[in-house]
């Protein structure tokens, strides 16, 4: 659970995770998002589901990046 908190950027020390752990949590998070999209849009075509998946995945990983840079004390201008 500590590695998940560090992956999400909630570590007060600003520690990150290793490459393998980051890949593992990214895969798990992508599978969760994919399952949620499939449950929310069961009758939708595959193209719509792919577009929605990438939009949600982009927002989630952007949120994680903001958490990580905030825990390291970096300030980024809003995009």
Protein backbone atom coordinates (compact mmCIF):
# COMPACT_ATOMS: atom_id res chain seq x y z
CA UNK A 1 0.00 0.00 0.00
CA UNK A 2 2.99 2.29 0.60
CA UNK A 3 4.08 1.90 -3.01
CA UNK A 4 0.59 2.83 -4.22
CA UNK A 5 0.66 6.01 -2.13
CA UNK A 6 4.08 6.86 -3.52
CA UNK A 7 2.91 6.12 -7.08
CA UNK A 8 -0.07 8.45 -6.63
CA UNK A 9 2.22 11.17 -5.29
CA UNK A 10 0.97 11.19 -1.70
CA UNK A 11 4.35 10.56 -0.07
CA UNK A 12 5.25 13.55 2.11
CA UNK A 13 8.97 12.91 1.52
CA UNK A 14 8.50 13.06 -2.26
CA UNK A 15 9.92 9.58 -2.81
CA UNK A 16 8.97 7.88 -6.03
CA UNK A 17 8.70 4.25 -7.00
CA UNK A 18 10.95 2.08 -9.11
CA UNK A 19 10.39 1.60 -12.81
CA UNK A 20 8.93 -1.88 -12.40
CA UNK A 21 6.55 -0.76 -9.68
CA UNK A 22 5.47 2.22 -11.74
CA UNK A 23 4.73 -0.05 -14.71
CA UNK A 24 2.79 -2.44 -12.48
CA UNK A 25 0.59 0.28 -10.98
CA UNK A 26 0.10 1.90 -14.40
CA UNK A 27 -1.11 -1.41 -15.81
CA UNK A 28 -3.43 -2.01 -12.86
CA UNK A 29 -4.82 1.52 -13.12
CA UNK A 30 -5.35 1.14 -16.87
CA UNK A 31 -7.21 -2.14 -16.36
CA UNK A 32 -9.43 -0.53 -13.72
CA UNK A 33 -10.23 2.42 -16.01
CA UNK A 34 -10.92 0.04 -18.90
CA UNK A 35 -13.30 -2.03 -16.76
CA UNK A 36 -15.14 1.07 -15.56
CA UNK A 37 -15.50 2.41 -19.11
CA UNK A 38 -16.85 -0.96 -20.29
CA UNK A 39 -19.35 -1.04 -17.40
CA UNK A 40 -20.51 2.55 -17.97
CA UNK A 41 -20.89 2.21 -21.75
CA UNK A 42 -21.86 -1.44 -22.40
CA UNK A 43 -23.58 -0.82 -25.72
CA UNK A 44 -21.10 1.70 -27.09
CA UNK A 45 -18.91 0.93 -30.05
CA UNK A 46 -15.24 0.14 -29.59
CA UNK A 47 -14.07 3.46 -31.06
CA UNK A 48 -16.10 5.48 -28.55
CA UNK A 49 -14.87 3.33 -25.66
CA UNK A 50 -11.24 3.78 -26.76
CA UNK A 51 -11.66 7.55 -26.99
CA UNK A 52 -13.30 7.70 -23.54
CA UNK A 53 -10.62 5.39 -22.11
CA UNK A 54 -7.79 7.59 -23.35
CA UNK A 55 -9.51 10.75 -22.12
CA UNK A 56 -10.01 9.33 -18.63
CA UNK A 57 -6.52 7.80 -18.53
CA UNK A 58 -5.01 11.14 -19.59
CA UNK A 59 -6.85 12.98 -16.82
CA UNK A 60 -5.91 10.42 -14.17
CA UNK A 61 -2.22 10.30 -15.08
CA UNK A 62 -2.10 14.11 -15.32
CA UNK A 63 -3.59 14.28 -11.81
CA UNK A 64 -0.94 11.83 -10.56
CA UNK A 65 1.81 13.96 -12.15
CA UNK A 66 0.48 17.06 -10.37
CA UNK A 67 0.49 15.21 -7.06
CA UNK A 68 4.07 14.08 -7.60
CA UNK A 69 5.36 17.54 -8.51
CA UNK A 70 3.47 19.09 -5.58
CA UNK A 71 5.00 16.59 -3.15
CA UNK A 72 8.47 17.47 -4.47
CA UNK A 73 7.78 21.17 -4.01
CA UNK A 74 7.87 22.00 -7.71
CA UNK A 75 5.50 24.59 -9.02
CA UNK A 76 4.15 24.24 -12.51
CA UNK A 77 2.03 26.75 -14.33
CA UNK A 78 -1.46 25.46 -15.17
CA UNK A 79 -1.80 24.06 -18.68
